[in-house]
Amino acid sequence: MLHAVSSLRIAGGDRDGERGRLEALAERLRVSNIGFLGHQEPEVLHRLIEDCLFTVVPSRWQDNCPMAVLESFAHGKPVVGANIGGIPEQIGDDCGLLFEPGDPEDLAAKLSYLLTHSEERLEMGRAALRRLQTVYTPEAHCGRLLGLFEALTGGTEVRDMTVAVA
């Protein structure tokens, strides 16, 4: 049984014409409950995330650590994310669901699951917030970087380090 969705909101920039293709498809199918919002300022985006059941990160790129995932986690929202790049590592086994890029049936199945399994969806959202508060803190990040530096230097102290940022 598929849960009736009151609305689907699609936010984000459009660099490759995908928005136009999706708008044309929605019009052809006579689907009227989709809002194509385009790029949103942070304040509006955070309100949209706060008001949603979950977010979808349908990336086609090898993103290392998409901010969209972390922003969802900050609001205690699970993520349905593409199984590509760093997204699987971010979502893990308990903060959302992964779908295969380019497989609309797999994506639809994951969306349907979260729409019809509210308790699991809520628990994934709680796990997402916990992950953000433990794994993605500045302190945890610095600790991992220091551990990496120590491993790379063989434990020897580095006295003069110059870091170039491009």
N, C-alpha and C. Protein backbone atom coordinates (compact mmCIF):
# COMPACT_ATOMS: atom_id res chain seq x y z
N MET A 1 0.85 -1.18 0.00
CA MET A 1 0.00 0.00 0.00
C MET A 1 0.89 1.23 0.00
N LEU A 2 0.69 2.11 -0.93
CA LEU A 2 1.49 3.33 -1.04
C LEU A 2 0.80 4.46 -0.30
N HIS A 3 1.53 5.11 0.57
CA HIS A 3 1.04 6.24 1.33
C HIS A 3 0.80 7.42 0.40
N ALA A 4 -0.30 8.11 0.57
CA ALA A 4 -0.58 9.29 -0.25
C ALA A 4 0.33 10.44 0.20
N VAL A 5 1.01 11.02 -0.73
CA VAL A 5 1.92 12.11 -0.44
C VAL A 5 1.19 13.42 -0.71
N SER A 6 1.17 14.30 0.29
CA SER A 6 0.49 15.57 0.07
C SER A 6 1.27 16.44 -0.90
N SER A 7 2.59 16.41 -0.80
CA SER A 7 3.38 17.17 -1.76
C SER A 7 4.82 16.69 -1.76
N LEU A 8 5.44 16.88 -2.90
CA LEU A 8 6.85 16.59 -3.08
C LEU A 8 7.49 17.91 -3.44
N ARG A 9 8.52 18.30 -2.72
CA ARG A 9 9.21 19.56 -3.00
C ARG A 9 10.62 19.24 -3.45
N ILE A 10 10.99 19.78 -4.59
CA ILE A 10 12.31 19.54 -5.15
C ILE A 10 13.06 20.87 -5.13
N ALA A 11 14.09 20.93 -4.28
CA ALA A 11 14.89 22.15 -4.14
C ALA A 11 16.29 21.89 -4.66
N GLY A 12 16.90 22.92 -5.17
CA GLY A 12 18.27 22.81 -5.64
C GLY A 12 18.45 23.44 -6.99
N GLY A 13 19.68 23.76 -7.29
CA GLY A 13 20.00 24.38 -8.57
C GLY A 13 19.84 23.40 -9.72
N ASP A 14 19.84 23.92 -10.92
CA ASP A 14 19.68 23.11 -12.13
C ASP A 14 20.75 23.51 -13.11
N ARG A 15 21.75 22.66 -13.26
CA ARG A 15 22.85 22.98 -14.16
C ARG A 15 22.81 22.18 -15.46
N ASP A 16 21.97 21.15 -15.51
CA ASP A 16 21.99 20.30 -16.70
C ASP A 16 20.63 20.11 -17.35
N GLY A 17 19.65 20.92 -16.97
CA GLY A 17 18.33 20.83 -17.59
C GLY A 17 17.42 19.78 -17.00
N GLU A 18 17.83 19.13 -15.93
CA GLU A 18 17.01 18.07 -15.33
C GLU A 18 15.68 18.62 -14.82
N ARG A 19 15.70 19.83 -14.28
CA ARG A 19 14.45 20.41 -13.78
C ARG A 19 13.41 20.51 -14.90
N GLY A 20 13.82 20.99 -16.05
CA GLY A 20 12.90 21.11 -17.18
C GLY A 20 12.35 19.76 -17.60
N ARG A 21 13.19 18.74 -17.62
CA ARG A 21 12.72 17.40 -17.97
C ARG A 21 11.71 16.88 -16.95
N LEU A 22 11.99 17.13 -15.67
CA LEU A 22 11.07 16.68 -14.63
C LEU A 22 9.76 17.45 -14.67
N GLU A 23 9.82 18.74 -14.90
CA GLU A 23 8.59 19.54 -15.01
C GLU A 23 7.73 19.07 -16.18
N ALA A 24 8.37 18.78 -17.31
CA ALA A 24 7.64 18.29 -18.48
C ALA A 24 7.00 16.93 -18.18
N LEU A 25 7.72 16.06 -17.49
CA LEU A 25 7.19 14.75 -17.13
C LEU A 25 5.98 14.91 -16.20
N ALA A 26 6.10 15.77 -15.19
CA ALA A 26 4.99 15.99 -14.26
C ALA A 26 3.77 16.54 -14.99
N GLU A 27 3.99 17.43 -15.93
CA GLU A 27 2.88 17.98 -16.71
C GLU A 27 2.24 16.90 -17.58
N ARG A 28 3.05 16.11 -18.25
CA ARG A 28 2.55 15.04 -19.11
C ARG A 28 1.75 14.01 -18.30
N LEU A 29 2.21 13.72 -17.07
CA LEU A 29 1.51 12.75 -16.22
C LEU A 29 0.38 13.39 -15.41
N ARG A 30 0.23 14.70 -15.55
CA ARG A 30 -0.80 15.47 -14.82
C ARG A 30 -0.64 15.33 -13.30
N VAL A 31 0.59 15.40 -12.86
CA VAL A 31 0.90 15.35 -11.43
C VAL A 31 1.01 16.80 -10.95
N SER A 32 0.16 17.16 -10.00
CA SER A 32 0.11 18.56 -9.59
C SER A 32 0.66 18.83 -8.19
N ASN A 33 1.06 17.81 -7.48
CA ASN A 33 1.51 18.01 -6.10
C ASN A 33 3.03 18.05 -5.98
N ILE A 34 3.71 18.45 -7.05
CA ILE A 34 5.16 18.60 -7.02
C ILE A 34 5.51 20.07 -7.15
N GLY A 35 6.33 20.54 -6.22
CA GLY A 35 6.82 21.92 -6.29
C GLY A 35 8.29 21.93 -6.67
N PHE A 36 8.60 22.60 -7.77
CA PHE A 36 9.99 22.76 -8.20
C PHE A 36 10.46 24.10 -7.67
N LEU A 37 11.24 24.09 -6.62
CA LEU A 37 11.57 25.29 -5.87
C LEU A 37 12.86 25.97 -6.31
N GLY A 38 13.73 25.25 -7.01
CA GLY A 38 15.01 25.82 -7.40
C GLY A 38 15.92 26.03 -6.20
N HIS A 39 16.95 26.85 -6.42
CA HIS A 39 17.90 27.15 -5.34
C HIS A 39 17.19 27.89 -4.21
N GLN A 40 17.51 27.53 -2.97
CA GLN A 40 16.91 28.17 -1.81
C GLN A 40 17.99 28.71 -0.89
N GLU A 41 17.72 29.83 -0.29
CA GLU A 41 18.63 30.39 0.71
C GLU A 41 18.62 29.48 1.94
N PRO A 42 19.71 29.49 2.71
CA PRO A 42 19.82 28.56 3.84
C PRO A 42 18.65 28.57 4.81
N GLU A 43 18.13 29.75 5.14
CA GLU A 43 17.02 29.81 6.11
C GLU A 43 15.79 29.07 5.58
N VAL A 44 15.47 29.26 4.32
CA VAL A 44 14.32 28.60 3.72
C VAL A 44 14.58 27.10 3.60
N LEU A 45 15.77 26.74 3.19
CA LEU A 45 16.12 25.33 3.05
C LEU A 45 15.98 24.61 4.39
N HIS A 46 16.44 25.23 5.46
CA HIS A 46 16.35 24.58 6.77
C HIS A 46 14.90 24.40 7.20
N ARG A 47 14.03 25.36 6.87
CA ARG A 47 12.60 25.20 7.18
C ARG A 47 12.00 24.05 6.37
N LEU A 48 12.39 23.95 5.10
CA LEU A 48 11.89 22.86 4.27
C LEU A 48 12.30 21.51 4.85
N ILE A 49 13.54 21.40 5.26
CA ILE A 49 14.02 20.13 5.83
C ILE A 49 13.30 19.83 7.13
N GLU A 50 13.14 20.84 7.97
CA GLU A 50 12.47 20.64 9.25
C GLU A 50 11.04 20.13 9.06
N ASP A 51 10.37 20.58 8.01
CA ASP A 51 8.97 20.23 7.79
C ASP A 51 8.77 18.92 7.01
N CYS A 52 9.83 18.31 6.52
CA CYS A 52 9.67 17.12 5.68
C CYS A 52 9.75 15.84 6.50
N LEU A 53 9.36 14.73 5.86
CA LEU A 53 9.48 13.41 6.49
C LEU A 53 10.90 12.87 6.36
N PHE A 54 11.51 13.10 5.20
CA PHE A 54 12.88 12.67 4.92
C PHE A 54 13.35 13.44 3.70
N THR A 55 14.63 13.36 3.42
CA THR A 55 15.16 14.02 2.24
C THR A 55 15.72 12.98 1.27
N VAL A 56 15.90 13.41 0.03
CA VAL A 56 16.45 12.56 -1.00
C VAL A 56 17.68 13.26 -1.57
N VAL A 57 18.78 12.54 -1.63
CA VAL A 57 20.02 13.07 -2.23
C VAL A 57 20.33 12.18 -3.43
N PRO A 58 19.80 12.58 -4.62
CA PRO A 58 19.94 11.73 -5.81
C PRO A 58 21.20 12.03 -6.62
N SER A 59 22.28 12.20 -5.94
CA SER A 59 23.52 12.60 -6.59
C SER A 59 23.93 11.63 -7.69
N ARG A 60 24.49 12.19 -8.75
CA ARG A 60 25.07 11.39 -9.82
C ARG A 60 26.58 11.56 -9.82
N TRP A 61 27.10 12.28 -8.84
CA TRP A 61 28.53 12.61 -8.76
C TRP A 61 29.16 11.84 -7.61
N GLN A 62 30.47 11.73 -7.66
CA GLN A 62 31.23 11.06 -6.61
C GLN A 62 31.48 12.02 -5.44
N ASP A 63 30.41 12.58 -4.90
CA ASP A 63 30.54 13.50 -3.77
C ASP A 63 31.20 12.79 -2.59
N ASN A 64 32.16 13.48 -1.98
CA ASN A 64 32.86 12.90 -0.84
C ASN A 64 32.01 12.95 0.42
N CYS A 65 31.46 14.11 0.72
CA CYS A 65 30.68 14.29 1.95
C CYS A 65 29.64 15.38 1.70
N PRO A 66 28.56 15.05 0.98
CA PRO A 66 27.59 16.07 0.64
C PRO A 66 26.97 16.74 1.87
N MET A 67 26.97 18.07 1.85
CA MET A 67 26.37 18.83 2.95
C MET A 67 24.88 18.55 3.07
N ALA A 68 24.22 18.21 1.97
CA ALA A 68 22.78 17.92 2.02
C ALA A 68 22.48 16.79 3.00
N VAL A 69 23.35 15.81 3.07
CA VAL A 69 23.15 14.70 4.01
C VAL A 69 23.30 15.21 5.44
N LEU A 70 24.35 15.98 5.69
CA LEU A 70 24.58 16.49 7.05
C LEU A 70 23.50 17.46 7.48
N GLU A 71 23.00 18.27 6.55
CA GLU A 71 21.90 19.20 6.88
C GLU A 71 20.65 18.42 7.28
N SER A 72 20.38 17.33 6.59
CA SER A 72 19.23 16.50 6.95
C SER A 72 19.44 15.89 8.34
N PHE A 73 20.63 15.37 8.58
CA PHE A 73 20.95 14.79 9.88
C PHE A 73 20.75 15.82 11.00
N ALA A 74 21.14 17.07 10.75
CA ALA A 74 21.01 18.12 11.76
C ALA A 74 19.57 18.34 12.17
N HIS A 75 18.64 18.01 11.29
CA HIS A 75 17.21 18.16 11.59
C HIS A 75 16.58 16.83 11.99
N GLY A 76 17.42 15.80 12.18
CA GLY A 76 16.90 14.50 12.58
C GLY A 76 16.08 13.83 11.49
N LYS A 77 16.48 14.04 10.24
CA LYS A 77 15.76 13.45 9.11
C LYS A 77 16.60 12.38 8.44
N PRO A 78 15.99 11.24 8.15
CA PRO A 78 16.72 10.22 7.40
C PRO A 78 16.90 10.67 5.95
N VAL A 79 17.81 10.02 5.26
CA VAL A 79 18.13 10.37 3.88
C VAL A 79 17.98 9.14 2.99
N VAL A 80 17.32 9.33 1.87
CA VAL A 80 17.34 8.33 0.80
C VAL A 80 18.41 8.85 -0.15
N GLY A 81 19.53 8.15 -0.21
CA GLY A 81 20.66 8.65 -0.97
C GLY A 81 21.14 7.69 -2.04
N ALA A 82 21.73 8.27 -3.07
CA ALA A 82 22.31 7.47 -4.14
C ALA A 82 23.50 6.69 -3.59
N ASN A 83 23.62 5.46 -4.01
CA ASN A 83 24.71 4.59 -3.57
C ASN A 83 25.95 4.90 -4.42
N ILE A 84 26.54 6.07 -4.13
CA ILE A 84 27.66 6.56 -4.93
C ILE A 84 28.51 7.49 -4.06
N GLY A 85 29.79 7.54 -4.34
CA GLY A 85 30.68 8.45 -3.62
C GLY A 85 30.70 8.17 -2.12
N GLY A 86 30.69 9.22 -1.32
CA GLY A 86 30.74 9.09 0.13
C GLY A 86 29.39 8.95 0.79
N ILE A 87 28.31 9.01 0.01
CA ILE A 87 26.97 8.95 0.59
C ILE A 87 26.72 7.66 1.36
N PRO A 88 27.10 6.49 0.85
CA PRO A 88 26.87 5.27 1.63
C PRO A 88 27.57 5.29 3.00
N GLU A 89 28.77 5.85 3.04
CA GLU A 89 29.50 5.94 4.31
C GLU A 89 28.78 6.87 5.27
N GLN A 90 28.25 7.98 4.75
CA GLN A 90 27.53 8.92 5.61
C GLN A 90 26.26 8.29 6.19
N ILE A 91 25.47 7.67 5.33
CA ILE A 91 24.18 7.14 5.75
C ILE A 91 24.35 5.89 6.60
N GLY A 92 25.35 5.08 6.27
CA GLY A 92 25.58 3.86 7.04
C GLY A 92 24.40 2.92 6.94
N ASP A 93 24.23 2.10 7.96
CA ASP A 93 23.15 1.10 7.96
C ASP A 93 21.89 1.57 8.67
N ASP A 94 21.94 2.76 9.28
CA ASP A 94 20.82 3.10 10.14
C ASP A 94 20.27 4.52 10.00
N CYS A 95 20.80 5.32 9.10
CA CYS A 95 20.38 6.73 9.00
C CYS A 95 19.58 7.02 7.74
N GLY A 96 19.17 6.00 7.04
CA GLY A 96 18.43 6.18 5.81
C GLY A 96 18.55 4.96 4.92
N LEU A 97 18.26 5.15 3.67
CA LEU A 97 18.29 4.05 2.70
C LEU A 97 19.06 4.47 1.46
N LEU A 98 19.69 3.52 0.81
CA LEU A 98 20.43 3.78 -0.41
C LEU A 98 19.69 3.21 -1.60
N PHE A 99 19.80 3.90 -2.74
CA PHE A 99 19.25 3.38 -3.98
C PHE A 99 20.34 3.43 -5.04
N GLU A 100 20.21 2.59 -6.04
CA GLU A 100 21.20 2.55 -7.12
C GLU A 100 20.94 3.70 -8.08
N PRO A 101 21.95 4.52 -8.34
CA PRO A 101 21.77 5.63 -9.28
C PRO A 101 21.30 5.13 -10.64
N GLY A 102 20.36 5.85 -11.23
CA GLY A 102 19.84 5.46 -12.54
C GLY A 102 18.79 4.37 -12.49
N ASP A 103 18.35 3.99 -11.30
CA ASP A 103 17.35 2.93 -11.16
C ASP A 103 16.10 3.51 -10.49
N PRO A 104 15.17 4.06 -11.28
CA PRO A 104 13.99 4.72 -10.69
C PRO A 104 13.11 3.76 -9.90
N GLU A 105 13.09 2.48 -10.27
CA GLU A 105 12.27 1.53 -9.51
C GLU A 105 12.84 1.32 -8.11
N ASP A 106 14.16 1.27 -8.01
CA ASP A 106 14.79 1.12 -6.69
C ASP A 106 14.53 2.36 -5.85
N LEU A 107 14.66 3.54 -6.45
CA LEU A 107 14.37 4.78 -5.73
C LEU A 107 12.92 4.78 -5.26
N ALA A 108 11.98 4.43 -6.13
CA ALA A 108 10.57 4.42 -5.76
C ALA A 108 10.31 3.45 -4.61
N ALA A 109 10.97 2.31 -4.63
CA ALA A 109 10.79 1.33 -3.55
C ALA A 109 11.27 1.89 -2.21
N LYS A 110 12.40 2.59 -2.22
CA LYS A 110 12.93 3.16 -0.98
C LYS A 110 12.03 4.29 -0.46
N LEU A 111 11.52 5.12 -1.37
CA LEU A 111 10.61 6.19 -0.97
C LEU A 111 9.33 5.61 -0.38
N SER A 112 8.79 4.61 -1.04
CA SER A 112 7.57 3.96 -0.57
C SER A 112 7.78 3.35 0.82
N TYR A 113 8.95 2.73 1.01
CA TYR A 113 9.24 2.11 2.31
C TYR A 113 9.19 3.16 3.43
N LEU A 114 9.88 4.28 3.22
CA LEU A 114 9.89 5.29 4.29
C LEU A 114 8.53 5.93 4.49
N LEU A 115 7.75 6.05 3.44
CA LEU A 115 6.40 6.61 3.58
C LEU A 115 5.47 5.68 4.35
N THR A 116 5.69 4.39 4.26
CA THR A 116 4.77 3.42 4.88
C THR A 116 5.30 2.82 6.18
N HIS A 117 6.51 3.15 6.57
CA HIS A 117 7.10 2.61 7.81
C HIS A 117 7.51 3.76 8.71
N SER A 118 6.53 4.40 9.32
CA SER A 118 6.80 5.63 10.07
C SER A 118 7.71 5.39 11.28
N GLU A 119 7.56 4.29 11.99
CA GLU A 119 8.40 4.07 13.17
C GLU A 119 9.86 3.88 12.76
N GLU A 120 10.11 3.12 11.70
CA GLU A 120 11.48 2.95 11.21
C GLU A 120 12.05 4.27 10.72
N ARG A 121 11.20 5.05 10.04
CA ARG A 121 11.63 6.37 9.55
C ARG A 121 12.04 7.27 10.72
N LEU A 122 11.25 7.28 11.78
CA LEU A 122 11.57 8.10 12.94
C LEU A 122 12.86 7.63 13.61
N GLU A 123 13.05 6.32 13.72
CA GLU A 123 14.28 5.80 14.33
C GLU A 123 15.49 6.14 13.48
N MET A 124 15.36 6.06 12.15
CA MET A 124 16.47 6.47 11.28
C MET A 124 16.80 7.95 11.48
N GLY A 125 15.79 8.77 11.66
CA GLY A 125 16.02 10.19 11.92
C GLY A 125 16.75 10.42 13.23
N ARG A 126 16.38 9.66 14.26
CA ARG A 126 17.08 9.78 15.55
C ARG A 126 18.53 9.32 15.41
N ALA A 127 18.74 8.24 14.67
CA ALA A 127 20.10 7.74 14.44
C ALA A 127 20.92 8.76 13.64
N ALA A 128 20.28 9.43 12.70
CA ALA A 128 20.97 10.44 11.89
C ALA A 128 21.46 11.59 12.77
N LEU A 129 20.62 12.06 13.66
CA LEU A 129 21.02 13.15 14.56
C LEU A 129 22.15 12.69 15.47
N ARG A 130 22.05 11.46 16.00
CA ARG A 130 23.13 10.94 16.86
C ARG A 130 24.45 10.86 16.08
N ARG A 131 24.39 10.41 14.83
CA ARG A 131 25.60 10.30 14.02
C ARG A 131 26.22 11.68 13.81
N LEU A 132 25.39 12.67 13.52
CA LEU A 132 25.91 14.03 13.33
C LEU A 132 26.60 14.50 14.61
N GLN A 133 26.00 14.22 15.76
CA GLN A 133 26.51 14.70 17.04
C GLN A 133 27.73 13.93 17.53
N THR A 134 28.06 12.80 16.91
CA THR A 134 29.23 12.03 17.35
C THR A 134 30.31 11.94 16.29
N VAL A 135 29.94 11.66 15.06
CA VAL A 135 30.91 11.44 13.99
C VAL A 135 31.33 12.73 13.30
N TYR A 136 30.40 13.67 13.16
CA TYR A 136 30.66 14.86 12.35
C TYR A 136 30.89 16.13 13.17
N THR A 137 31.34 16.00 14.39
CA THR A 137 31.67 17.18 15.18
C THR A 137 33.07 17.66 14.80
N PRO A 138 33.36 18.93 15.01
CA PRO A 138 34.73 19.42 14.75
C PRO A 138 35.77 18.65 15.56
N GLU A 139 35.45 18.30 16.80
CA GLU A 139 36.40 17.58 17.64
C GLU A 139 36.71 16.19 17.08
N ALA A 140 35.67 15.50 16.64
CA ALA A 140 35.87 14.17 16.06
C ALA A 140 36.68 14.26 14.77
N HIS A 141 36.38 15.26 13.96
CA HIS A 141 37.10 15.44 12.70
C HIS A 141 38.58 15.74 12.97
N CYS A 142 38.85 16.65 13.89
CA CYS A 142 40.25 16.97 14.23
C CYS A 142 40.97 15.76 14.77
N GLY A 143 40.30 14.97 15.60
CA GLY A 143 40.91 13.76 16.13
C GLY A 143 41.29 12.78 15.03
N ARG A 144 40.41 12.62 14.04
CA ARG A 144 40.74 11.73 12.92
C ARG A 144 41.90 12.28 12.11
N LEU A 145 41.92 13.60 11.88
CA LEU A 145 43.03 14.21 11.14
C LEU A 145 44.35 14.03 11.88
N LEU A 146 44.34 14.27 13.19
CA LEU A 146 45.57 14.10 13.96
C LEU A 146 46.04 12.65 13.93
N GLY A 147 45.10 11.71 14.01
CA GLY A 147 45.47 10.30 13.91
C GLY A 147 46.07 9.97 12.56
N LEU A 148 45.53 10.56 11.51
CA LEU A 148 46.08 10.35 10.17
C LEU A 148 47.48 10.93 10.08
N PHE A 149 47.67 12.16 10.59
CA PHE A 149 49.00 12.78 10.55
C PHE A 149 50.02 11.95 11.32
N GLU A 150 49.63 11.45 12.49
CA GLU A 150 50.54 10.62 13.27
C GLU A 150 50.89 9.34 12.52
N ALA A 151 49.90 8.74 11.86
CA ALA A 151 50.17 7.51 11.11
C ALA A 151 51.10 7.80 9.93
N LEU A 152 50.90 8.93 9.27
CA LEU A 152 51.73 9.28 8.11
C LEU A 152 53.16 9.62 8.50
N THR A 153 53.35 10.17 9.68
CA THR A 153 54.69 10.54 10.11
C THR A 153 55.36 9.44 10.92
N GLY A 154 54.69 8.33 11.05
CA GLY A 154 55.26 7.22 11.81
C GLY A 154 55.38 7.54 13.28
N GLY A 155 54.57 8.45 13.75
CA GLY A 155 54.59 8.82 15.16
C GLY A 155 55.64 9.84 15.52
N THR A 156 56.47 10.27 14.54
CA THR A 156 57.48 11.27 14.86
C THR A 156 56.84 12.65 14.84
N GLU A 157 57.34 13.50 15.69
CA GLU A 157 56.81 14.85 15.81
C GLU A 157 57.20 15.66 14.58
N VAL A 158 56.25 16.37 14.06
CA VAL A 158 56.50 17.26 12.91
C VAL A 158 56.65 18.67 13.47
N ARG A 159 57.83 19.24 13.32
CA ARG A 159 58.09 20.56 13.90
C ARG A 159 57.66 21.71 13.00
N ASP A 160 57.89 21.59 11.73
CA ASP A 160 57.57 22.69 10.84
C ASP A 160 56.74 22.13 9.69
N MET A 161 55.47 22.49 9.70
CA MET A 161 54.59 21.97 8.67
C MET A 161 53.96 23.17 7.95
N THR A 162 54.09 23.18 6.66
CA THR A 162 53.44 24.20 5.86
C THR A 162 52.33 23.53 5.09
N VAL A 163 51.15 24.11 5.16
CA VAL A 163 50.01 23.56 4.46
C VAL A 163 49.60 24.54 3.37
N ALA A 164 49.53 24.06 2.17
CA ALA A 164 49.11 24.89 1.06
C ALA A 164 47.66 24.57 0.75
N VAL A 165 46.86 25.59 0.65
CA VAL A 165 45.44 25.42 0.33
C VAL A 165 45.22 26.06 -1.03
N ALA A 166 44.70 25.25 -1.95
CA ALA A 166 44.44 25.75 -3.31
C ALA A 166 43.09 26.41 -3.39
